[in-house]
Amino acid sequence: MKRVLGLAVLFLLTGVAMAFAAESTQAALGNGFLGMVVLGACLGVGVAASGCGVGMGHCVRGACEGIARNPELSGKLTVTMILGLAFIEALTLYALVLSFYLVFAKLPAFMKLIGA
């Protein structure tokens, strides 16, 4: 937890340093905003993928334990597990689509708005 907080402070301080080193306020806002959007998109996909990976592991573990206890239900458990894995994977894809939307649709419009 301390490492994550330390990295967050480091990213914040480097973003502030870039803003003070820029020649104009618009350039500083544009560069900082670009970095923050890309960082947010990457972190969003990373958190979604890691959370979904943990969820998939629990799903497969539960299915394997169920099949080990009652092998006659292996067909039904396998179908249910695959359906659950598809729903879990959809969450990661939603995060990926949202990050693409932020970077490729919203960011150019904002950059055009501030003139950067």
C-alpha atoms as a PDB file:
ATOM      1  CA  MET A   1       0.000   0.000   0.000  1.00  0.00           C
ATOM      2  CA  LYS A   2       2.867   2.354   0.764  1.00  0.00           C
ATOM      3  CA  ARG A   3       4.401   1.720  -2.649  1.00  0.00           C
ATOM      4  CA  VAL A   4       1.166   2.607  -4.422  1.00  0.00           C
ATOM      5  CA  LEU A   5       0.857   5.814  -2.418  1.00  0.00           C
ATOM      6  CA  GLY A   6       4.495   6.625  -3.120  1.00  0.00           C
ATOM      7  CA  LEU A   7       4.017   6.086  -6.855  1.00  0.00           C
ATOM      8  CA  ALA A   8       0.899   8.268  -6.837  1.00  0.00           C
ATOM      9  CA  VAL A   9       2.823  11.078  -5.134  1.00  0.00           C
ATOM     10  CA  LEU A  10       5.685  10.639  -7.608  1.00  0.00           C
ATOM     11  CA  PHE A  11       3.313  10.898 -10.592  1.00  0.00           C
ATOM     12  CA  LEU A  12       1.689  13.960  -9.060  1.00  0.00           C
ATOM     13  CA  LEU A  13       5.022  15.690  -8.452  1.00  0.00           C
ATOM     14  CA  THR A  14       6.338  14.978 -11.948  1.00  0.00           C
ATOM     15  CA  GLY A  15       3.092  16.304 -13.438  1.00  0.00           C
ATOM     16  CA  VAL A  16       3.448  19.524 -11.435  1.00  0.00           C
ATOM     17  CA  ALA A  17       7.083  19.893 -12.521  1.00  0.00           C
ATOM     18  CA  MET A  18       6.079  19.578 -16.182  1.00  0.00           C
ATOM     19  CA  ALA A  19       3.413  22.225 -15.684  1.00  0.00           C
ATOM     20  CA  PHE A  20       5.900  24.710 -14.194  1.00  0.00           C
ATOM     21  CA  ALA A  21       8.490  23.994 -16.890  1.00  0.00           C
ATOM     22  CA  ALA A  22       6.045  24.678 -19.734  1.00  0.00           C
ATOM     23  CA  GLU A  23       6.167  27.975 -21.583  1.00  0.00           C
ATOM     24  CA  SER A  24       2.477  28.796 -21.400  1.00  0.00           C
ATOM     25  CA  THR A  25      -0.517  27.797 -19.348  1.00  0.00           C
ATOM     26  CA  GLN A  26      -2.305  26.271 -22.330  1.00  0.00           C
ATOM     27  CA  ALA A  27       0.680  24.090 -23.196  1.00  0.00           C
ATOM     28  CA  ALA A  28       0.996  22.981 -19.572  1.00  0.00           C
ATOM     29  CA  LEU A  29      -2.690  22.144 -19.360  1.00  0.00           C
ATOM     30  CA  GLY A  30      -2.590  20.289 -22.656  1.00  0.00           C
ATOM     31  CA  ASN A  31       0.482  18.190 -21.824  1.00  0.00           C
ATOM     32  CA  GLY A  32      -0.660  17.458 -18.289  1.00  0.00           C
ATOM     33  CA  PHE A  33      -4.156  16.573 -19.408  1.00  0.00           C
ATOM     34  CA  LEU A  34      -2.835  14.274 -22.122  1.00  0.00           C
ATOM     35  CA  GLY A  35      -0.674  12.437 -19.611  1.00  0.00           C
ATOM     36  CA  MET A  36      -3.478  12.153 -17.080  1.00  0.00           C
ATOM     37  CA  VAL A  37      -5.964  10.796 -19.636  1.00  0.00           C
ATOM     38  CA  VAL A  38      -3.513   8.207 -20.920  1.00  0.00           C
ATOM     39  CA  LEU A  39      -2.489   7.263 -17.374  1.00  0.00           C
ATOM     40  CA  GLY A  40      -6.123   6.970 -16.310  1.00  0.00           C
ATOM     41  CA  ALA A  41      -6.969   4.833 -19.330  1.00  0.00           C
ATOM     42  CA  CYS A  42      -4.023   2.510 -18.683  1.00  0.00           C
ATOM     43  CA  LEU A  43      -4.749   2.204 -14.981  1.00  0.00           C
ATOM     44  CA  GLY A  44      -8.430   1.569 -15.671  1.00  0.00           C
ATOM     45  CA  VAL A  45      -7.681  -1.303 -18.014  1.00  0.00           C
ATOM     46  CA  GLY A  46      -5.020  -2.676 -15.671  1.00  0.00           C
ATOM     47  CA  VAL A  47      -7.286  -2.658 -12.627  1.00  0.00           C
ATOM     48  CA  ALA A  48     -10.150  -4.170 -14.609  1.00  0.00           C
ATOM     49  CA  ALA A  49      -7.921  -6.906 -16.023  1.00  0.00           C
ATOM     50  CA  SER A  50      -6.407  -7.788 -12.656  1.00  0.00           C
ATOM     51  CA  GLY A  51      -9.813  -7.843 -10.953  1.00  0.00           C
ATOM     52  CA  CYS A  52     -11.274  -9.982 -13.691  1.00  0.00           C
ATOM     53  CA  GLY A  53      -8.278 -12.301 -13.522  1.00  0.00           C
ATOM     54  CA  VAL A  54      -8.882 -12.844  -9.817  1.00  0.00           C
ATOM     55  CA  GLY A  55     -12.582 -13.425 -10.505  1.00  0.00           C
ATOM     56  CA  MET A  56     -11.796 -15.948 -13.226  1.00  0.00           C
ATOM     57  CA  GLY A  57      -9.445 -17.799 -10.911  1.00  0.00           C
ATOM     58  CA  HIS A  58     -12.149 -18.074  -8.254  1.00  0.00           C
ATOM     59  CA  CYS A  59     -14.664 -19.221 -10.859  1.00  0.00           C
ATOM     60  CA  VAL A  60     -12.425 -21.984 -12.203  1.00  0.00           C
ATOM     61  CA  ARG A  61     -11.412 -23.055  -8.686  1.00  0.00           C
ATOM     62  CA  GLY A  62     -15.061 -23.357  -7.658  1.00  0.00           C
ATOM     63  CA  ALA A  63     -15.922 -25.339 -10.767  1.00  0.00           C
ATOM     64  CA  CYS A  64     -12.982 -27.707 -10.236  1.00  0.00           C
ATOM     65  CA  GLU A  65     -13.955 -28.252  -6.598  1.00  0.00           C
ATOM     66  CA  GLY A  66     -17.563 -28.911  -7.613  1.00  0.00           C
ATOM     67  CA  ILE A  67     -16.530 -31.406 -10.276  1.00  0.00           C
ATOM     68  CA  ALA A  68     -14.189 -33.133  -7.809  1.00  0.00           C
ATOM     69  CA  ARG A  69     -17.010 -33.504  -5.279  1.00  0.00           C
ATOM     70  CA  ASN A  70     -19.692 -34.548  -7.751  1.00  0.00           C
ATOM     71  CA  PRO A  71     -18.297 -35.761 -11.095  1.00  0.00           C
ATOM     72  CA  GLU A  72     -21.778 -36.464 -12.469  1.00  0.00           C
ATOM     73  CA  LEU A  73     -22.473 -32.715 -12.706  1.00  0.00           C
ATOM     74  CA  SER A  74     -19.322 -31.919 -14.684  1.00  0.00           C
ATOM     75  CA  GLY A  75     -21.248 -31.016 -17.853  1.00  0.00           C
ATOM     76  CA  LYS A  76     -23.568 -28.550 -16.136  1.00  0.00           C
ATOM     77  CA  LEU A  77     -20.745 -27.034 -14.083  1.00  0.00           C
ATOM     78  CA  THR A  78     -18.541 -26.633 -17.140  1.00  0.00           C
ATOM     79  CA  VAL A  79     -21.258 -24.834 -19.099  1.00  0.00           C
ATOM     80  CA  THR A  80     -22.011 -22.559 -16.155  1.00  0.00           C
ATOM     81  CA  MET A  81     -18.311 -21.858 -15.641  1.00  0.00           C
ATOM     82  CA  ILE A  82     -17.771 -20.929 -19.293  1.00  0.00           C
ATOM     83  CA  LEU A  83     -20.801 -18.643 -19.235  1.00  0.00           C
ATOM     84  CA  GLY A  84     -19.519 -16.960 -16.067  1.00  0.00           C
ATOM     85  CA  LEU A  85     -16.052 -16.541 -17.592  1.00  0.00           C
ATOM     86  CA  ALA A  86     -17.597 -14.870 -20.646  1.00  0.00           C
ATOM     87  CA  PHE A  87     -19.449 -12.375 -18.438  1.00  0.00           C
ATOM     88  CA  ILE A  88     -16.306 -11.666 -16.432  1.00  0.00           C
ATOM     89  CA  GLU A  89     -14.262 -11.140 -19.596  1.00  0.00           C
ATOM     90  CA  ALA A  90     -16.895  -8.713 -20.871  1.00  0.00           C
ATOM     91  CA  LEU A  91     -16.107  -6.401 -17.955  1.00  0.00           C
ATOM     92  CA  THR A  92     -12.491  -6.130 -19.062  1.00  0.00           C
ATOM     93  CA  LEU A  93     -13.581  -5.433 -22.614  1.00  0.00           C
ATOM     94  CA  TYR A  94     -15.905  -2.671 -21.380  1.00  0.00           C
ATOM     95  CA  ALA A  95     -12.970  -1.029 -19.600  1.00  0.00           C
ATOM     96  CA  LEU A  96     -10.869  -1.329 -22.753  1.00  0.00           C
ATOM     97  CA  VAL A  97     -13.595   0.253 -24.893  1.00  0.00           C
ATOM     98  CA  LEU A  98     -14.004   3.067 -22.362  1.00  0.00           C
ATOM     99  CA  SER A  99     -10.267   3.767 -22.385  1.00  0.00           C
ATOM    100  CA  PHE A 100     -10.241   3.856 -26.205  1.00  0.00           C
ATOM    101  CA  TYR A 101     -13.188   6.255 -26.081  1.00  0.00           C
ATOM    102  CA  LEU A 102     -11.354   8.555 -23.679  1.00  0.00           C
ATOM    103  CA  VAL A 103      -8.108   8.579 -25.626  1.00  0.00           C
ATOM    104  CA  PHE A 104      -9.384   8.691 -29.206  1.00  0.00           C
ATOM    105  CA  ALA A 105     -12.720  10.521 -28.950  1.00  0.00           C
ATOM    106  CA  LYS A 106     -12.639  12.881 -25.983  1.00  0.00           C
ATOM    107  CA  LEU A 107      -8.963  13.812 -25.913  1.00  0.00           C
ATOM    108  CA  PRO A 108      -8.692  15.301 -29.453  1.00  0.00           C
ATOM    109  CA  ALA A 109     -11.827  17.365 -28.872  1.00  0.00           C
ATOM    110  CA  PHE A 110     -10.385  18.806 -25.654  1.00  0.00           C
ATOM    111  CA  MET A 111      -7.004  19.458 -27.261  1.00  0.00           C
ATOM    112  CA  LYS A 112      -8.725  21.343 -30.093  1.00  0.00           C
ATOM    113  CA  LEU A 113     -10.735  23.308 -27.529  1.00  0.00           C
ATOM    114  CA  ILE A 114      -7.667  24.584 -25.678  1.00  0.00           C
ATOM    115  CA  GLY A 115      -5.708  25.133 -28.878  1.00  0.00           C
ATOM    116  CA  ALA A 116      -2.894  22.725 -28.140  1.00  0.00           C
END
